[in-house]
C-alpha atoms as a PDB file:
ATOM      1  CA  MET A   1       5.166 -25.961  23.267  1.00  0.00           C
ATOM      2  CA  SER A   2       2.890 -22.977  24.021  1.00  0.00           C
ATOM      3  CA  THR A   3      -0.784 -23.276  23.540  1.00  0.00           C
ATOM      4  CA  PRO A   4      -2.457 -20.694  21.303  1.00  0.00           C
ATOM      5  CA  ASN A   5      -4.682 -18.325  23.159  1.00  0.00           C
ATOM      6  CA  PRO A   6      -8.249 -18.760  21.829  1.00  0.00           C
ATOM      7  CA  TYR A   7      -9.129 -15.238  22.907  1.00  0.00           C
ATOM      8  CA  ALA A   8      -6.311 -13.465  21.127  1.00  0.00           C
ATOM      9  CA  ALA A   9      -7.014 -11.125  18.224  1.00  0.00           C
ATOM     10  CA  PRO A  10      -6.547 -12.537  14.777  1.00  0.00           C
ATOM     11  CA  ARG A  11      -3.021 -12.239  13.371  1.00  0.00           C
ATOM     12  CA  ALA A  12      -3.842 -12.190   9.712  1.00  0.00           C
ATOM     13  CA  ALA A  13      -2.482  -9.336   7.608  1.00  0.00           C
ATOM     14  CA  VAL A  14      -5.784  -7.467   7.658  1.00  0.00           C
ATOM     15  CA  ALA A  15      -4.205  -4.106   6.963  1.00  0.00           C
ATOM     16  CA  ASP A  16      -2.481  -5.408   3.751  1.00  0.00           C
ATOM     17  CA  ALA A  17      -5.693  -6.924   2.538  1.00  0.00           C
ATOM     18  CA  ALA A  18      -7.738  -3.790   3.285  1.00  0.00           C
ATOM     19  CA  SER A  19      -5.504  -1.217   1.687  1.00  0.00           C
ATOM     20  CA  PRO A  20      -4.902  -1.432  -2.088  1.00  0.00           C
ATOM     21  CA  GLN A  21      -1.740   0.603  -1.546  1.00  0.00           C
ATOM     22  CA  ALA A  22      -0.038  -2.032   0.602  1.00  0.00           C
ATOM     23  CA  GLY A  23       2.342  -4.838  -0.177  1.00  0.00           C
ATOM     24  CA  ASN A  24       3.038  -5.136  -3.935  1.00  0.00           C
ATOM     25  CA  PHE A  25       4.284  -1.854  -5.207  1.00  0.00           C
ATOM     26  CA  VAL A  26       6.619  -2.082  -8.231  1.00  0.00           C
ATOM     27  CA  PRO A  27       9.169   0.839  -8.359  1.00  0.00           C
ATOM     28  CA  GLY A  28       9.399   1.982 -11.949  1.00  0.00           C
ATOM     29  CA  GLY A  29       6.315   0.057 -12.950  1.00  0.00           C
ATOM     30  CA  ARG A  30       5.871  -3.116 -14.972  1.00  0.00           C
ATOM     31  CA  GLY A  31       4.760  -3.928 -18.475  1.00  0.00           C
ATOM     32  CA  VAL A  32       1.069  -4.961 -18.909  1.00  0.00           C
ATOM     33  CA  PRO A  33      -0.896  -6.398 -21.900  1.00  0.00           C
ATOM     34  CA  ALA A  34      -2.104  -4.029 -24.603  1.00  0.00           C
ATOM     35  CA  ALA A  35      -5.763  -4.743 -23.845  1.00  0.00           C
ATOM     36  CA  ASN A  36      -5.294  -3.216 -20.425  1.00  0.00           C
ATOM     37  CA  GLY A  37      -5.499   0.162 -22.117  1.00  0.00           C
ATOM     38  CA  TRP A  38      -9.282  -0.459 -22.473  1.00  0.00           C
ATOM     39  CA  ALA A  39      -9.429  -1.897 -18.933  1.00  0.00           C
ATOM     40  CA  TRP A  40      -8.161   1.354 -17.491  1.00  0.00           C
ATOM     41  CA  ILE A  41     -11.003   3.251 -19.078  1.00  0.00           C
ATOM     42  CA  ALA A  42     -13.600   0.577 -18.126  1.00  0.00           C
ATOM     43  CA  GLN A  43     -12.400   0.635 -14.475  1.00  0.00           C
ATOM     44  CA  GLY A  44     -12.440   4.427 -14.563  1.00  0.00           C
ATOM     45  CA  TRP A  45     -16.044   4.266 -15.669  1.00  0.00           C
ATOM     46  CA  SER A  46     -16.838   1.938 -12.793  1.00  0.00           C
ATOM     47  CA  LEU A  47     -15.370   4.457 -10.349  1.00  0.00           C
ATOM     48  CA  PHE A  48     -17.376   7.233 -11.988  1.00  0.00           C
ATOM     49  CA  LYS A  49     -20.709   5.324 -11.723  1.00  0.00           C
ATOM     50  CA  ARG A  50     -20.354   5.121  -7.947  1.00  0.00           C
ATOM     51  CA  GLN A  51     -20.873   8.854  -7.505  1.00  0.00           C
ATOM     52  CA  PRO A  52     -21.587  10.532 -10.870  1.00  0.00           C
ATOM     53  CA  GLY A  53     -23.072  13.684  -9.364  1.00  0.00           C
ATOM     54  CA  MET A  54     -19.987  14.358  -7.198  1.00  0.00           C
ATOM     55  CA  TRP A  55     -17.689  13.698 -10.156  1.00  0.00           C
ATOM     56  CA  ILE A  56     -19.555  16.096 -12.387  1.00  0.00           C
ATOM     57  CA  GLY A  57     -19.544  18.751  -9.669  1.00  0.00           C
ATOM     58  CA  ILE A  58     -15.776  18.451  -9.322  1.00  0.00           C
ATOM     59  CA  VAL A  59     -15.282  18.750 -13.101  1.00  0.00           C
ATOM     60  CA  VAL A  60     -17.472  21.843 -13.242  1.00  0.00           C
ATOM     61  CA  ALA A  61     -15.516  23.381 -10.353  1.00  0.00           C
ATOM     62  CA  LEU A  62     -12.221  22.696 -12.100  1.00  0.00           C
ATOM     63  CA  ALA A  63     -13.587  24.213 -15.368  1.00  0.00           C
ATOM     64  CA  VAL A  64     -14.750  27.351 -13.534  1.00  0.00           C
ATOM     65  CA  MET A  65     -11.309  27.718 -11.812  1.00  0.00           C
ATOM     66  CA  SER A  66      -9.539  27.288 -15.147  1.00  0.00           C
ATOM     67  CA  VAL A  67     -11.649  30.005 -16.750  1.00  0.00           C
ATOM     68  CA  VAL A  68     -11.068  32.387 -13.822  1.00  0.00           C
ATOM     69  CA  ALA A  69      -7.326  31.686 -13.884  1.00  0.00           C
ATOM     70  CA  ALA A  70      -7.183  32.295 -17.626  1.00  0.00           C
ATOM     71  CA  MET A  71      -8.731  35.782 -16.972  1.00  0.00           C
ATOM     72  CA  ILE A  72      -5.726  36.731 -14.839  1.00  0.00           C
ATOM     73  CA  PRO A  73      -3.079  37.860 -17.308  1.00  0.00           C
ATOM     74  CA  PHE A  74       0.017  35.778 -17.435  1.00  0.00           C
ATOM     75  CA  ILE A  75       0.056  34.764 -13.764  1.00  0.00           C
ATOM     76  CA  GLY A  76      -3.259  32.895 -13.789  1.00  0.00           C
ATOM     77  CA  SER A  77      -2.307  30.323 -16.454  1.00  0.00           C
ATOM     78  CA  LEU A  78       1.180  29.837 -15.061  1.00  0.00           C
ATOM     79  CA  ALA A  79      -0.241  29.239 -11.547  1.00  0.00           C
ATOM     80  CA  LEU A  80      -2.741  26.704 -12.929  1.00  0.00           C
ATOM     81  CA  MET A  81       0.042  24.732 -14.636  1.00  0.00           C
ATOM     82  CA  VAL A  82       2.070  24.617 -11.377  1.00  0.00           C
ATOM     83  CA  LEU A  83      -0.989  23.595  -9.328  1.00  0.00           C
ATOM     84  CA  PHE A  84      -2.257  21.006 -11.811  1.00  0.00           C
ATOM     85  CA  PRO A  85      -0.424  18.095 -10.089  1.00  0.00           C
ATOM     86  CA  VAL A  86      -1.796  19.302  -6.727  1.00  0.00           C
ATOM     87  CA  PHE A  87      -5.374  19.032  -7.968  1.00  0.00           C
ATOM     88  CA  THR A  88      -4.561  15.673  -9.696  1.00  0.00           C
ATOM     89  CA  ALA A  89      -3.250  14.290  -6.397  1.00  0.00           C
ATOM     90  CA  GLY A  90      -6.508  15.236  -4.698  1.00  0.00           C
ATOM     91  CA  LEU A  91      -8.427  13.320  -7.352  1.00  0.00           C
ATOM     92  CA  MET A  92      -6.107  10.366  -6.859  1.00  0.00           C
ATOM     93  CA  LEU A  93      -6.854  10.368  -3.148  1.00  0.00           C
ATOM     94  CA  GLY A  94     -10.535  10.457  -3.973  1.00  0.00           C
ATOM     95  CA  CYS A  95     -10.137   7.476  -6.359  1.00  0.00           C
ATOM     96  CA  ARG A  96      -8.295   5.531  -3.682  1.00  0.00           C
ATOM     97  CA  ASP A  97     -11.158   6.144  -1.200  1.00  0.00           C
ATOM     98  CA  LEU A  98     -13.674   4.975  -3.774  1.00  0.00           C
ATOM     99  CA  ALA A  99     -11.605   1.888  -4.549  1.00  0.00           C
ATOM    100  CA  GLU A 100     -11.530   1.027  -0.817  1.00  0.00           C
ATOM    101  CA  GLY A 101     -15.228   1.358  -0.543  1.00  0.00           C
ATOM    102  CA  GLY A 102     -15.348   4.907   0.713  1.00  0.00           C
ATOM    103  CA  GLU A 103     -16.800   8.050  -0.776  1.00  0.00           C
ATOM    104  CA  LEU A 104     -15.600  10.753  -3.109  1.00  0.00           C
ATOM    105  CA  ARG A 105     -15.999  14.182  -1.449  1.00  0.00           C
ATOM    106  CA  PHE A 106     -15.731  17.661  -2.987  1.00  0.00           C
ATOM    107  CA  GLY A 107     -12.918  18.270  -0.509  1.00  0.00           C
ATOM    108  CA  HIS A 108     -10.823  15.765  -2.357  1.00  0.00           C
ATOM    109  CA  LEU A 109     -10.273  18.301  -5.020  1.00  0.00           C
ATOM    110  CA  PHE A 110      -8.125  20.311  -2.646  1.00  0.00           C
ATOM    111  CA  ALA A 111      -6.658  17.422  -0.648  1.00  0.00           C
ATOM    112  CA  GLY A 112      -3.389  17.806  -2.457  1.00  0.00           C
ATOM    113  CA  PHE A 113      -2.875  21.116  -0.655  1.00  0.00           C
ATOM    114  CA  ARG A 114      -2.727  19.182   2.582  1.00  0.00           C
ATOM    115  CA  GLU A 115      -0.712  16.176   1.288  1.00  0.00           C
ATOM    116  CA  ARG A 116       2.821  16.703  -0.035  1.00  0.00           C
ATOM    117  CA  LEU A 117       2.100  20.172  -1.437  1.00  0.00           C
ATOM    118  CA  GLY A 118       5.817  21.026  -1.899  1.00  0.00           C
ATOM    119  CA  PRO A 119       6.758  18.071  -4.100  1.00  0.00           C
ATOM    120  CA  LEU A 120       3.533  18.263  -6.018  1.00  0.00           C
ATOM    121  CA  ALA A 121       4.003  21.948  -6.822  1.00  0.00           C
ATOM    122  CA  ALA A 122       7.573  21.093  -7.757  1.00  0.00           C
ATOM    123  CA  VAL A 123       6.331  18.708 -10.351  1.00  0.00           C
ATOM    124  CA  GLY A 124       4.107  21.438 -11.710  1.00  0.00           C
ATOM    125  CA  GLY A 125       7.017  23.880 -11.669  1.00  0.00           C
ATOM    126  CA  ILE A 126       9.311  21.528 -13.582  1.00  0.00           C
ATOM    127  CA  TYR A 127       6.484  20.808 -16.052  1.00  0.00           C
ATOM    128  CA  LEU A 128       6.022  24.597 -16.550  1.00  0.00           C
ATOM    129  CA  GLY A 129       9.739  25.312 -16.885  1.00  0.00           C
ATOM    130  CA  VAL A 130      10.371  22.502 -19.428  1.00  0.00           C
ATOM    131  CA  THR A 131       7.297  23.494 -21.446  1.00  0.00           C
ATOM    132  CA  ILE A 132       8.520  27.109 -21.700  1.00  0.00           C
ATOM    133  CA  ALA A 133      11.995  25.857 -22.703  1.00  0.00           C
ATOM    134  CA  ILE A 134      10.612  23.579 -25.353  1.00  0.00           C
ATOM    135  CA  ALA A 135       8.432  26.430 -26.739  1.00  0.00           C
ATOM    136  CA  LEU A 136      11.384  28.756 -26.821  1.00  0.00           C
ATOM    137  CA  VAL A 137      13.566  26.240 -28.633  1.00  0.00           C
ATOM    138  CA  VAL A 138      10.875  25.427 -31.222  1.00  0.00           C
ATOM    139  CA  GLY A 139      10.178  29.138 -31.586  1.00  0.00           C
ATOM    140  CA  LEU A 140      13.783  29.970 -32.246  1.00  0.00           C
ATOM    141  CA  VAL A 141      14.235  27.154 -34.745  1.00  0.00           C
ATOM    142  CA  THR A 142      11.106  27.803 -36.758  1.00  0.00           C
ATOM    143  CA  GLY A 143      10.322  31.360 -35.755  1.00  0.00           C
ATOM    144  CA  ALA A 144      10.858  32.918 -39.162  1.00  0.00           C
ATOM    145  CA  SER A 145       8.346  30.608 -40.845  1.00  0.00           C
ATOM    146  CA  MET A 146       5.768  31.025 -38.209  1.00  0.00           C
ATOM    147  CA  PHE A 147       6.108  34.815 -38.321  1.00  0.00           C
ATOM    148  CA  ALA A 148       5.692  34.762 -42.138  1.00  0.00           C
ATOM    149  CA  VAL A 149       2.407  32.846 -41.857  1.00  0.00           C
ATOM    150  CA  MET A 150       1.044  34.900 -38.978  1.00  0.00           C
ATOM    151  CA  SER A 151       1.920  38.200 -40.619  1.00  0.00           C
ATOM    152  CA  GLY A 152       0.682  37.172 -44.058  1.00  0.00           C
ATOM    153  CA  GLY A 153       3.947  38.216 -45.621  1.00  0.00           C
ATOM    154  CA  ALA A 154       4.201  34.957 -47.614  1.00  0.00           C
ATOM    155  CA  GLY A 155       0.756  35.380 -49.157  1.00  0.00           C
ATOM    156  CA  ALA A 156       1.988  36.956 -52.431  1.00  0.00           C
ATOM    157  CA  ASP A 157       4.392  34.103 -53.165  1.00  0.00           C
ATOM    158  CA  PRO A 158       2.710  30.658 -53.204  1.00  0.00           C
ATOM    159  CA  ALA A 159       6.058  28.886 -52.899  1.00  0.00           C
ATOM    160  CA  ALA A 160       7.049  31.006 -49.934  1.00  0.00           C
ATOM    161  CA  ALA A 161       3.609  30.477 -48.321  1.00  0.00           C
ATOM    162  CA  ALA A 162       3.910  26.732 -48.770  1.00  0.00           C
ATOM    163  CA  GLY A 163       7.347  26.771 -47.215  1.00  0.00           C
ATOM    164  CA  ALA A 164       6.113  28.862 -44.282  1.00  0.00           C
ATOM    165  CA  VAL A 165       3.158  26.411 -43.734  1.00  0.00           C
ATOM    166  CA  ALA A 166       5.612  23.509 -43.809  1.00  0.00           C
ATOM    167  CA  GLY A 167       7.778  25.337 -41.231  1.00  0.00           C
ATOM    168  CA  VAL A 168       4.805  25.733 -38.944  1.00  0.00           C
ATOM    169  CA  ALA A 169       3.847  22.042 -39.398  1.00  0.00           C
ATOM    170  CA  LEU A 170       7.402  21.087 -38.585  1.00  0.00           C
ATOM    171  CA  ALA A 171       7.347  23.263 -35.472  1.00  0.00           C
ATOM    172  CA  VAL A 172       4.157  21.517 -34.239  1.00  0.00           C
ATOM    173  CA  LEU A 173       5.701  18.061 -34.868  1.00  0.00           C
ATOM    174  CA  VAL A 174       8.990  18.976 -33.158  1.00  0.00           C
ATOM    175  CA  MET A 175       7.107  20.399 -30.154  1.00  0.00           C
ATOM    176  CA  LEU A 176       4.921  17.359 -29.967  1.00  0.00           C
ATOM    177  CA  ALA A 177       7.889  15.036 -30.089  1.00  0.00           C
ATOM    178  CA  LEU A 178       9.503  16.979 -27.251  1.00  0.00           C
ATOM    179  CA  MET A 179       6.357  17.226 -25.145  1.00  0.00           C
ATOM    180  CA  ILE A 180       5.432  13.547 -25.214  1.00  0.00           C
ATOM    181  CA  PRO A 181       8.336  12.542 -22.943  1.00  0.00           C
ATOM    182  CA  LEU A 182       7.361  15.334 -20.588  1.00  0.00           C
ATOM    183  CA  PHE A 183       3.805  14.084 -20.539  1.00  0.00           C
ATOM    184  CA  MET A 184       5.092  10.643 -19.748  1.00  0.00           C
ATOM    185  CA  ALA A 185       7.134  12.022 -16.843  1.00  0.00           C
ATOM    186  CA  VAL A 186       4.170  13.856 -15.368  1.00  0.00           C
ATOM    187  CA  TRP A 187       1.357  11.325 -16.039  1.00  0.00           C
ATOM    188  CA  PHE A 188       1.810   9.272 -12.860  1.00  0.00           C
ATOM    189  CA  ALA A 189       3.893  11.719 -10.896  1.00  0.00           C
ATOM    190  CA  ALA A 190       1.023  12.871  -8.635  1.00  0.00           C
ATOM    191  CA  PRO A 191       0.018   9.472  -7.242  1.00  0.00           C
ATOM    192  CA  LEU A 192       3.707   8.511  -6.887  1.00  0.00           C
ATOM    193  CA  VAL A 193       4.354  11.591  -4.807  1.00  0.00           C
ATOM    194  CA  VAL A 194       1.233  11.433  -2.688  1.00  0.00           C
ATOM    195  CA  PHE A 195       1.104   7.748  -2.124  1.00  0.00           C
ATOM    196  CA  HIS A 196       4.749   6.745  -2.058  1.00  0.00           C
ATOM    197  CA  GLU A 197       6.448   9.932  -0.813  1.00  0.00           C
ATOM    198  CA  ARG A 198       8.639  10.280  -3.865  1.00  0.00           C
ATOM    199  CA  SER A 199      10.380  13.565  -4.555  1.00  0.00           C
ATOM    200  CA  ALA A 200       9.368  15.475  -7.675  1.00  0.00           C
ATOM    201  CA  LEU A 201      12.264  14.224  -9.740  1.00  0.00           C
ATOM    202  CA  GLU A 202      12.008  10.641  -8.463  1.00  0.00           C
ATOM    203  CA  ALA A 203       8.242  10.594  -9.171  1.00  0.00           C
ATOM    204  CA  MET A 204       8.742  11.962 -12.707  1.00  0.00           C
ATOM    205  CA  LYS A 205      11.527   9.455 -13.420  1.00  0.00           C
ATOM    206  CA  GLU A 206       9.339   6.503 -12.310  1.00  0.00           C
ATOM    207  CA  SER A 207       6.364   7.836 -14.172  1.00  0.00           C
ATOM    208  CA  PHE A 208       8.421   8.027 -17.356  1.00  0.00           C
ATOM    209  CA  SER A 209       9.641   4.526 -16.813  1.00  0.00           C
ATOM    210  CA  GLY A 210       6.128   3.152 -16.229  1.00  0.00           C
ATOM    211  CA  CYS A 211       4.856   4.849 -19.363  1.00  0.00           C
ATOM    212  CA  LEU A 212       7.812   3.720 -21.449  1.00  0.00           C
ATOM    213  CA  ARG A 213       7.233   0.114 -20.486  1.00  0.00           C
ATOM    214  CA  ASN A 214       3.676   0.346 -21.669  1.00  0.00           C
ATOM    215  CA  ILE A 215       3.866   2.141 -25.023  1.00  0.00           C
ATOM    216  CA  VAL A 216       1.438  -0.307 -26.732  1.00  0.00           C
ATOM    217  CA  PRO A 217      -1.286  -0.151 -24.012  1.00  0.00           C
ATOM    218  CA  PHE A 218      -0.952   3.639 -24.021  1.00  0.00           C
ATOM    219  CA  LEU A 219      -1.411   3.768 -27.806  1.00  0.00           C
ATOM    220  CA  PHE A 220      -4.506   1.629 -27.459  1.00  0.00           C
ATOM    221  CA  TYR A 221      -5.716   3.822 -24.573  1.00  0.00           C
ATOM    222  CA  GLY A 222      -5.058   6.954 -26.544  1.00  0.00           C
ATOM    223  CA  VAL A 223      -6.938   5.790 -29.722  1.00  0.00           C
ATOM    224  CA  ILE A 224      -9.971   4.888 -27.579  1.00  0.00           C
ATOM    225  CA  LEU A 225      -9.929   8.217 -25.786  1.00  0.00           C
ATOM    226  CA  MET A 226      -9.574  10.087 -29.121  1.00  0.00           C
ATOM    227  CA  VAL A 227     -12.769   8.384 -30.408  1.00  0.00           C
ATOM    228  CA  LEU A 228     -14.633   9.042 -27.093  1.00  0.00           C
ATOM    229  CA  SER A 229     -13.393  12.687 -27.236  1.00  0.00           C
ATOM    230  CA  VAL A 230     -15.114  13.176 -30.580  1.00  0.00           C
ATOM    231  CA  VAL A 231     -18.289  11.593 -29.242  1.00  0.00           C
ATOM    232  CA  ALA A 232     -18.208  13.693 -26.047  1.00  0.00           C
ATOM    233  CA  SER A 233     -17.727  16.901 -28.061  1.00  0.00           C
ATOM    234  CA  ILE A 234     -20.795  16.371 -30.268  1.00  0.00           C
ATOM    235  CA  PRO A 235     -23.580  17.340 -27.869  1.00  0.00           C
ATOM    236  CA  LEU A 236     -22.250  20.905 -27.155  1.00  0.00           C
ATOM    237  CA  GLY A 237     -19.347  19.312 -25.307  1.00  0.00           C
ATOM    238  CA  LEU A 238     -21.619  18.086 -22.548  1.00  0.00           C
ATOM    239  CA  GLY A 239     -20.222  14.601 -22.886  1.00  0.00           C
ATOM    240  CA  TRP A 240     -17.018  15.914 -21.224  1.00  0.00           C
ATOM    241  CA  LEU A 241     -18.913  16.050 -17.943  1.00  0.00           C
ATOM    242  CA  VAL A 242     -18.675  12.294 -18.067  1.00  0.00           C
ATOM    243  CA  LEU A 243     -15.521  11.706 -20.083  1.00  0.00           C
ATOM    244  CA  GLY A 244     -13.459  14.127 -17.931  1.00  0.00           C
ATOM    245  CA  PRO A 245     -14.044  12.213 -14.654  1.00  0.00           C
ATOM    246  CA  VAL A 246     -13.586   8.865 -16.431  1.00  0.00           C
ATOM    247  CA  MET A 247     -10.206  10.018 -17.787  1.00  0.00           C
ATOM    248  CA  ALA A 248      -9.206  11.268 -14.355  1.00  0.00           C
ATOM    249  CA  ALA A 249     -10.187   7.928 -12.746  1.00  0.00           C
ATOM    250  CA  SER A 250      -8.422   6.049 -15.483  1.00  0.00           C
ATOM    251  CA  VAL A 251      -5.093   7.670 -14.477  1.00  0.00           C
ATOM    252  CA  TYR A 252      -5.572   6.023 -11.098  1.00  0.00           C
ATOM    253  CA  THR A 253      -6.622   2.623 -12.458  1.00  0.00           C
ATOM    254  CA  ALA A 254      -3.680   2.701 -14.862  1.00  0.00           C
ATOM    255  CA  TYR A 255      -1.321   3.594 -11.975  1.00  0.00           C
ATOM    256  CA  ARG A 256      -2.718   0.662  -9.944  1.00  0.00           C
ATOM    257  CA  ASP A 257      -2.238  -1.696 -12.932  1.00  0.00           C
ATOM    258  CA  ILE A 258       1.273  -0.634 -13.831  1.00  0.00           C
ATOM    259  CA  PHE A 259       2.862  -0.010 -10.423  1.00  0.00           C
ATOM    260  CA  PHE A 260       1.350  -2.931  -8.492  1.00  0.00           C
ATOM    261  CA  ARG A 261       1.775  -6.674  -9.191  1.00  0.00           C
ATOM    262  CA  GLN A 262      -1.779  -7.538  -8.156  1.00  0.00           C
ATOM    263  CA  PRO A 263      -3.981  -4.566  -8.893  1.00  0.00           C
ATOM    264  CA  VAL A 264      -7.225  -4.287  -7.146  1.00  0.00           C
END
């Protein structure tokens, strides 16, 4: 029987313990308790508190880029939608570094351009394409009613006006019903692509699965965020300088909770 070498390096799984990404990933996600919807926000707040100044600076930079993009006719808004998962991936990388005891840096905002840019942009392209398709379908189905309201042609006939308004309301509900599954497919796509090397379609499929298994926690999460959004909007919208980063960080904490058996 060989004698252990007292001078040998420790053989414990230090790497697995050090990295919150190692060891217990659950493909497709797992169901978690409803109360975890609040825990995602609370943990997001905890990540925000570690470097609030840097988080606010990143949010301001994103807002400025969004305004500049919106000023470029047609192309700017489309490009922003395609690149949205790329920026999200950078924030997820920043959240991971914070969770591991590191620092959030301004460069994290653009880290997605260096990590899996192709699949991330593909997620954005699919999101853009499906959004346009949904808008076209809804527009074709309810276009006459919407045109009547927008042109004011139904104003002389109260019954026609009421019908037109109902048509617009129906269009909004139909579009919302079609967009929710798309949001579910995109919600966790960025971290799944950048951390687990999923293709765009694989990441969107697993993201949808993870959200579908946690409908109740997400309802709880959504109600809380709705209340916080109202509060954040009261002081000239300045509260969004805090709520925006907390929401971004909560995507990471929810991903960790749903896609790992023992979230850190």
